[in-house]
C-alpha atoms as a PDB file:
ATOM      1  CA  UNK A   1      11.575 -10.042  30.201  1.00  0.00           C
ATOM      2  CA  UNK A   2      13.590 -11.681  27.804  1.00  0.00           C
ATOM      3  CA  UNK A   3      10.724 -13.369  26.106  1.00  0.00           C
ATOM      4  CA  UNK A   4       9.030  -9.883  25.545  1.00  0.00           C
ATOM      5  CA  UNK A   5      12.117  -8.618  23.875  1.00  0.00           C
ATOM      6  CA  UNK A   6      12.354 -11.796  21.474  1.00  0.00           C
ATOM      7  CA  UNK A   7       8.458 -11.290  20.996  1.00  0.00           C
ATOM      8  CA  UNK A   8       8.988  -7.533  19.991  1.00  0.00           C
ATOM      9  CA  UNK A   9      11.557  -8.327  17.969  1.00  0.00           C
ATOM     10  CA  UNK A  10       9.656 -10.680  15.630  1.00  0.00           C
ATOM     11  CA  UNK A  11       7.066  -8.555  15.386  1.00  0.00           C
ATOM     12  CA  UNK A  12       9.545  -6.111  14.203  1.00  0.00           C
ATOM     13  CA  UNK A  13      11.142  -8.376  11.647  1.00  0.00           C
ATOM     14  CA  UNK A  14       7.263  -9.506  10.451  1.00  0.00           C
ATOM     15  CA  UNK A  15       6.223  -6.111  10.327  1.00  0.00           C
ATOM     16  CA  UNK A  16       9.319  -5.069   7.811  1.00  0.00           C
ATOM     17  CA  UNK A  17       9.181  -7.865   5.902  1.00  0.00           C
ATOM     18  CA  UNK A  18       5.358  -6.615   5.264  1.00  0.00           C
ATOM     19  CA  UNK A  19       6.583  -2.740   4.058  1.00  0.00           C
ATOM     20  CA  UNK A  20       8.919  -4.398   2.322  1.00  0.00           C
ATOM     21  CA  UNK A  21       6.876  -6.106   0.461  1.00  0.00           C
ATOM     22  CA  UNK A  22       4.449  -3.211   0.020  1.00  0.00           C
ATOM     23  CA  UNK A  23       7.678  -1.110  -1.307  1.00  0.00           C
ATOM     24  CA  UNK A  24       8.259  -3.580  -3.858  1.00  0.00           C
ATOM     25  CA  UNK A  25       4.621  -3.443  -5.255  1.00  0.00           C
ATOM     26  CA  UNK A  26       4.549   0.444  -5.355  1.00  0.00           C
ATOM     27  CA  UNK A  27       8.100   0.405  -7.209  1.00  0.00           C
ATOM     28  CA  UNK A  28       7.917  -2.772  -9.382  1.00  0.00           C
ATOM     29  CA  UNK A  29       4.231  -3.334 -10.337  1.00  0.00           C
ATOM     30  CA  UNK A  30       2.437  -0.986 -12.809  1.00  0.00           C
ATOM     31  CA  UNK A  31      -1.396  -0.411 -13.117  1.00  0.00           C
ATOM     32  CA  UNK A  32      -3.197  -0.793 -16.206  1.00  0.00           C
ATOM     33  CA  UNK A  33      -5.766   1.306 -16.673  1.00  0.00           C
ATOM     34  CA  UNK A  34      -9.085   0.229 -18.293  1.00  0.00           C
ATOM     35  CA  UNK A  35     -12.786   0.792 -18.881  1.00  0.00           C
ATOM     36  CA  UNK A  36     -15.656  -0.570 -16.706  1.00  0.00           C
ATOM     37  CA  UNK A  37     -19.002  -0.648 -17.744  1.00  0.00           C
ATOM     38  CA  UNK A  38     -21.459  -1.396 -14.935  1.00  0.00           C
ATOM     39  CA  UNK A  39     -25.365  -2.145 -16.312  1.00  0.00           C
ATOM     40  CA  UNK A  40     -28.613  -1.501 -13.845  1.00  0.00           C
ATOM     41  CA  UNK A  41     -31.436  -2.602 -14.497  1.00  0.00           C
ATOM     42  CA  UNK A  42     -33.968  -0.545 -15.252  1.00  0.00           C
ATOM     43  CA  UNK A  43     -36.381  -1.605 -12.504  1.00  0.00           C
ATOM     44  CA  UNK A  44     -33.353  -0.430  -9.821  1.00  0.00           C
ATOM     45  CA  UNK A  45     -33.590   3.157 -11.196  1.00  0.00           C
ATOM     46  CA  UNK A  46     -37.496   3.684 -11.830  1.00  0.00           C
ATOM     47  CA  UNK A  47     -39.454   0.770  -9.510  1.00  0.00           C
ATOM     48  CA  UNK A  48     -43.106  -0.049 -10.570  1.00  0.00           C
ATOM     49  CA  UNK A  49     -45.414   2.262  -9.042  1.00  0.00           C
ATOM     50  CA  UNK A  50     -47.397  -0.851  -7.448  1.00  0.00           C
ATOM     51  CA  UNK A  51     -44.875  -1.450  -4.932  1.00  0.00           C
ATOM     52  CA  UNK A  52     -44.838   1.897  -3.433  1.00  0.00           C
ATOM     53  CA  UNK A  53     -48.326   1.633  -2.739  1.00  0.00           C
ATOM     54  CA  UNK A  54     -48.031  -1.251  -0.698  1.00  0.00           C
ATOM     55  CA  UNK A  55     -45.403   0.049   1.508  1.00  0.00           C
ATOM     56  CA  UNK A  56     -47.330   0.705   4.903  1.00  0.00           C
END
């Protein structure tokens, strides 16, 4: 059983490090706002009529 406790202790330390890193990101990193523009081709919005007639 000592190896199980050692394993659980190592996993707990790793989880603590990850959790601490996440908290550090929350407190010290400020996100920047920016505009996002995505161009959608007109073919995707209005497909040609010929392609709809071919479907069985």
